[in-house]
Amino acid sequence: MGAAVNVFLIAPKKLFWEGLARVFEENGLQVSAFCLPEAVPWSRLGSGVAFLDAECLGAARICGIAELTACAHGAPVLVACDGEKTGNGGIAAMLLAGADDVIFYGMDKAVLLAKARAHLRRLRACAPAAKLSSRDGEIRLCRAGRWIKLRRRGRVVELDTLTPREFDLLALLLERQEQALSRFDLLETIWGEKAGAMNSETVDRHVESLRKKLGSWGKKIKTLYGVGYVLRNGAGAGG
């Protein structure tokens, strides 16, 4: 199973998204680009954000924005337009139609990257499930009580040796079982505002420590080279 996409870029002209996609990917985001809104497989976006060029929608852009945001499964939609031609009234209309933000052609790519990250942080700050369990029933976790129970040799034991970061890492892997998580996903979700000061090796060290503390069950945390990690419930050693 491939990694969930962080960003959809929807624009009729390749020049709009080509350079932006490169910047996003260089900063750890998974990107898919489309020329037409109707070609977008929204179910693949997961907890992500969409950048939409208003030119895709033609003259009926307000109705188009309303229809598109209705099928976006709650993903934030940022609409790009010509600020001078659109004017304040047009911008307000797009926001009222459902756009989560309006951006302008020529805006610095670093600003657009920061906007994407800000929306991703807000999505991931939504209240997560309080209690989680692995699909094989071998491990249970409670976020509220901060406890983990693991079945070993037919007995249920409490695992109390994890650091706070390792606990949060395991919780995220359990929450998204069988879903590939990039190192960027893990950094942004678990380290939050401190993610920018960390690197991928930070994630790797925490995953390796978590695997060791989980014993044989830790082998279910698989390495996806060039992507990140995934929690599998099948047999076999971890990468």
Protein backbone atom coordinates (compact mmCIF):
# COMPACT_ATOMS: atom_id res chain seq x y z
CA MET A 1 0.00 0.00 0.00
CA GLY A 2 1.42 3.39 -1.00
CA ALA A 3 1.85 6.31 1.32
CA ALA A 4 -1.12 8.59 1.77
CA VAL A 5 -0.80 11.77 -0.28
CA ASN A 6 -0.17 14.95 1.74
CA VAL A 7 -0.86 17.41 -1.10
CA PHE A 8 -2.98 17.45 -4.26
CA LEU A 9 -2.08 20.12 -6.83
CA ILE A 10 -4.95 20.77 -9.26
CA ALA A 11 -4.20 23.10 -12.16
CA PRO A 12 -4.77 23.13 -15.95
CA LYS A 13 -1.21 24.25 -16.66
CA LYS A 14 1.82 22.21 -15.69
CA LEU A 15 3.84 25.37 -15.02
CA PHE A 16 1.63 26.18 -12.03
CA TRP A 17 2.44 23.05 -10.05
CA GLU A 18 5.70 21.71 -11.46
CA GLY A 19 8.05 23.91 -9.40
CA LEU A 20 5.76 23.84 -6.37
CA ALA A 21 5.62 20.04 -6.41
CA ARG A 22 9.41 19.92 -6.41
CA VAL A 23 9.62 22.18 -3.35
CA PHE A 24 7.00 20.16 -1.47
CA GLU A 25 8.66 16.83 -2.27
CA GLU A 26 12.09 18.12 -1.29
CA ASN A 27 10.58 18.92 2.11
CA GLY A 28 9.15 15.44 2.67
CA LEU A 29 5.59 15.82 1.36
CA GLN A 30 3.91 13.27 -0.90
CA VAL A 31 2.41 15.10 -3.92
CA SER A 32 0.02 14.18 -6.73
CA ALA A 33 -0.85 16.63 -9.52
CA PHE A 34 -3.95 16.77 -11.74
CA CYS A 35 -5.13 18.99 -14.60
CA LEU A 36 -8.85 18.64 -13.89
CA PRO A 37 -10.79 18.55 -10.57
CA GLU A 38 -12.95 15.65 -11.78
CA ALA A 39 -9.81 13.50 -12.15
CA VAL A 40 -8.91 13.80 -8.46
CA PRO A 41 -9.25 10.58 -6.39
CA TRP A 42 -10.13 12.32 -3.11
CA SER A 43 -10.04 9.11 -1.08
CA ARG A 44 -6.26 8.98 -1.60
CA LEU A 45 -5.68 12.35 0.04
CA GLY A 46 -6.01 11.05 3.60
CA SER A 47 -5.12 13.75 6.12
CA GLY A 48 -3.88 16.17 3.49
CA VAL A 49 -4.45 19.49 1.74
CA ALA A 50 -5.39 20.48 -1.82
CA PHE A 51 -4.15 23.46 -3.86
CA LEU A 52 -6.63 24.36 -6.61
CA ASP A 53 -6.00 26.78 -9.48
CA ALA A 54 -9.28 28.71 -9.94
CA GLU A 55 -8.71 28.61 -13.72
CA CYS A 56 -9.74 24.94 -13.57
CA LEU A 57 -13.30 25.98 -12.79
CA GLY A 58 -13.92 28.47 -15.60
CA ALA A 59 -16.61 31.14 -15.24
CA ALA A 60 -18.61 29.13 -12.69
CA ARG A 61 -15.79 29.09 -10.17
CA ILE A 62 -17.93 29.82 -7.10
CA CYS A 63 -20.28 26.89 -7.79
CA GLY A 64 -17.25 24.78 -8.68
CA ILE A 65 -15.54 25.53 -5.38
CA ALA A 66 -18.69 24.62 -3.46
CA GLU A 67 -19.03 21.30 -5.33
CA LEU A 68 -15.36 20.45 -4.98
CA THR A 69 -15.08 21.17 -1.26
CA ALA A 70 -18.22 19.09 -0.67
CA CYS A 71 -16.47 15.98 -2.03
CA ALA A 72 -13.04 16.67 -0.50
CA HIS A 73 -13.70 14.53 2.60
CA GLY A 74 -12.87 17.42 4.92
CA ALA A 75 -9.47 18.12 3.35
CA PRO A 76 -8.58 21.85 3.33
CA VAL A 77 -8.79 23.38 -0.15
CA LEU A 78 -6.58 26.40 -0.96
CA VAL A 79 -7.67 28.25 -4.09
CA ALA A 80 -5.09 30.09 -6.23
CA CYS A 81 -6.14 33.08 -8.31
CA ASP A 82 -5.06 36.43 -9.75
CA GLY A 83 -5.53 38.74 -6.76
CA GLU A 84 -5.89 41.94 -8.78
CA LYS A 85 -8.50 40.54 -11.18
CA THR A 86 -10.42 38.73 -8.47
CA GLY A 87 -10.69 41.60 -5.99
CA ASN A 88 -11.86 41.52 -2.40
CA GLY A 89 -15.44 40.63 -3.34
CA GLY A 90 -14.31 37.60 -5.34
CA ILE A 91 -11.99 36.46 -2.61
CA ALA A 92 -14.77 36.70 -0.03
CA ALA A 93 -17.12 34.76 -2.32
CA MET A 94 -14.61 31.91 -2.71
CA LEU A 95 -14.13 31.67 1.04
CA LEU A 96 -17.90 31.68 1.61
CA ALA A 97 -18.25 28.94 -1.02
CA GLY A 98 -16.00 26.64 1.01
CA ALA A 99 -12.38 27.49 0.20
CA ASP A 100 -10.21 27.25 3.31
CA ASP A 101 -7.75 29.85 2.04
CA VAL A 102 -7.14 31.99 -1.05
CA ILE A 103 -3.62 32.37 -2.40
CA PHE A 104 -2.30 34.45 -5.28
CA TYR A 105 -0.27 33.64 -8.36
CA GLY A 106 3.40 34.42 -7.83
CA MET A 107 3.29 33.90 -4.07
CA ASP A 108 6.64 32.72 -2.71
CA LYS A 109 6.92 28.92 -2.64
CA ALA A 110 8.30 29.03 0.91
CA VAL A 111 5.07 30.73 2.01
CA LEU A 112 2.98 28.09 0.22
CA LEU A 113 4.99 25.33 1.90
CA ALA A 114 4.42 26.98 5.27
CA LYS A 115 0.67 27.20 4.55
CA ALA A 116 0.54 23.52 3.62
CA ARG A 117 2.33 22.56 6.83
CA ALA A 118 0.07 24.78 8.94
CA HIS A 119 -3.07 23.13 7.54
CA LEU A 120 -1.55 19.66 8.03
CA ARG A 121 -0.79 20.49 11.67
CA ARG A 122 -4.38 21.59 12.25
CA LEU A 123 -5.72 18.39 10.70
CA ARG A 124 -3.51 16.23 12.90
CA ALA A 125 -4.46 18.16 16.02
CA CYS A 126 -8.03 16.83 15.76
CA ALA A 127 -8.98 14.62 18.69
CA PRO A 128 -7.60 11.12 18.07
CA ALA A 129 -9.13 7.86 19.25
CA ALA A 130 -8.59 7.41 23.01
CA LYS A 131 -8.16 3.61 22.94
CA LEU A 132 -6.41 1.67 20.22
CA SER A 133 -5.60 -1.98 19.62
CA SER A 134 -3.68 -3.96 17.03
CA ARG A 135 -5.70 -5.99 14.56
CA ASP A 136 -4.13 -9.20 15.87
CA GLY A 137 -5.30 -8.33 19.39
CA GLU A 138 -1.80 -8.61 20.82
CA ILE A 139 -1.45 -5.01 21.98
CA ARG A 140 -3.81 -2.41 23.47
CA LEU A 141 -3.09 1.23 24.16
CA CYS A 142 -4.97 3.96 26.03
CA ARG A 143 -4.01 7.56 25.28
CA ALA A 144 -5.94 9.01 28.22
CA GLY A 145 -4.40 6.67 30.80
CA ARG A 146 -1.04 6.49 28.98
CA TRP A 147 -0.86 2.72 29.34
CA ILE A 148 0.08 -0.12 26.99
CA LYS A 149 -0.81 -3.78 27.48
CA LEU A 150 0.96 -6.44 25.46
CA ARG A 151 0.27 -10.17 25.24
CA ARG A 152 3.45 -12.20 25.79
CA ARG A 153 3.56 -16.00 26.02
CA GLY A 154 -0.15 -16.12 26.69
CA ARG A 155 -0.01 -13.51 29.47
CA VAL A 156 -1.03 -9.84 29.32
CA VAL A 157 1.69 -7.57 30.69
CA GLU A 158 1.85 -3.82 31.02
CA LEU A 159 4.63 -2.12 29.09
CA ASP A 160 5.89 0.88 31.07
CA THR A 161 9.35 1.46 29.61
CA LEU A 162 8.40 3.67 26.66
CA THR A 163 9.35 7.34 26.57
CA PRO A 164 6.55 9.86 25.81
CA ARG A 165 7.71 10.15 22.18
CA GLU A 166 7.82 6.35 21.77
CA PHE A 167 4.32 6.11 23.24
CA ASP A 168 3.00 8.69 20.78
CA LEU A 169 4.82 6.97 17.92
CA LEU A 170 3.24 3.61 18.74
CA ALA A 171 -0.19 5.25 19.12
CA LEU A 172 0.09 6.81 15.65
CA LEU A 173 1.21 3.52 14.08
CA LEU A 174 -1.73 1.71 15.71
CA GLU A 175 -4.14 4.42 14.61
CA ARG A 176 -2.98 4.09 11.01
CA GLN A 177 -2.29 0.35 10.77
CA GLU A 178 -1.36 -0.85 7.26
CA GLN A 179 -0.94 2.80 6.16
CA ALA A 180 2.50 4.00 5.14
CA LEU A 181 3.71 6.97 7.16
CA SER A 182 6.52 9.15 5.87
CA ARG A 183 9.17 10.43 8.24
CA PHE A 184 7.69 13.88 7.63
CA ASP A 185 4.28 12.63 8.82
CA LEU A 186 5.84 11.27 11.99
CA LEU A 187 7.89 14.39 12.71
CA GLU A 188 5.00 16.80 12.12
CA THR A 189 2.51 14.77 14.15
CA ILE A 190 4.67 13.77 17.12
CA TRP A 191 7.17 16.62 17.40
CA GLY A 192 4.77 19.36 16.24
CA GLU A 193 6.34 22.82 16.27
CA LYS A 194 9.75 21.31 17.07
CA ALA A 195 9.73 19.22 13.89
CA GLY A 196 11.70 21.83 11.95
CA ALA A 197 14.66 21.40 14.30
CA MET A 198 14.67 17.60 13.86
CA ASN A 199 15.72 15.35 11.01
CA SER A 200 14.76 11.91 9.71
CA GLU A 201 17.44 10.25 11.84
CA THR A 202 15.51 11.36 14.94
CA VAL A 203 12.54 9.29 13.74
CA ASP A 204 14.76 6.31 12.88
CA ARG A 205 16.32 6.27 16.35
CA HIS A 206 12.94 6.37 18.08
CA VAL A 207 11.52 3.62 15.85
CA GLU A 208 14.53 1.37 16.52
CA SER A 209 14.22 1.91 20.28
CA LEU A 210 10.47 1.22 20.13
CA ARG A 211 11.04 -2.02 18.22
CA LYS A 212 13.48 -3.28 20.83
CA LYS A 213 11.13 -2.49 23.73
CA LEU A 214 8.24 -4.27 22.01
CA GLY A 215 10.29 -7.44 21.60
CA SER A 216 9.17 -9.83 18.86
CA TRP A 217 6.05 -7.74 18.25
CA GLY A 218 8.30 -4.84 17.23
CA LYS A 219 9.11 -6.72 14.02
CA LYS A 220 5.66 -5.74 12.77
CA ILE A 221 6.91 -2.15 12.35
CA LYS A 222 8.29 -2.33 8.83
CA THR A 223 10.71 0.05 7.16
CA LEU A 224 9.60 1.34 3.76
CA TYR A 225 12.85 2.49 2.18
CA GLY A 226 12.62 5.96 0.71
CA VAL A 227 9.25 6.52 2.41
CA GLY A 228 9.11 5.81 6.14
CA TYR A 229 7.35 3.14 8.19
CA VAL A 230 4.20 1.04 8.31
CA LEU A 231 2.67 -1.21 10.97
CA ARG A 232 1.84 -4.60 9.47
CA ASN A 233 0.07 -7.37 11.36
CA GLY A 234 1.43 -10.17 9.20
CA ALA A 235 4.34 -12.46 10.06
CA GLY A 236 7.95 -11.80 9.21
CA ALA A 237 10.87 -9.71 10.36
CA GLY A 238 10.87 -5.95 10.19
CA GLY A 239 13.10 -4.03 7.81
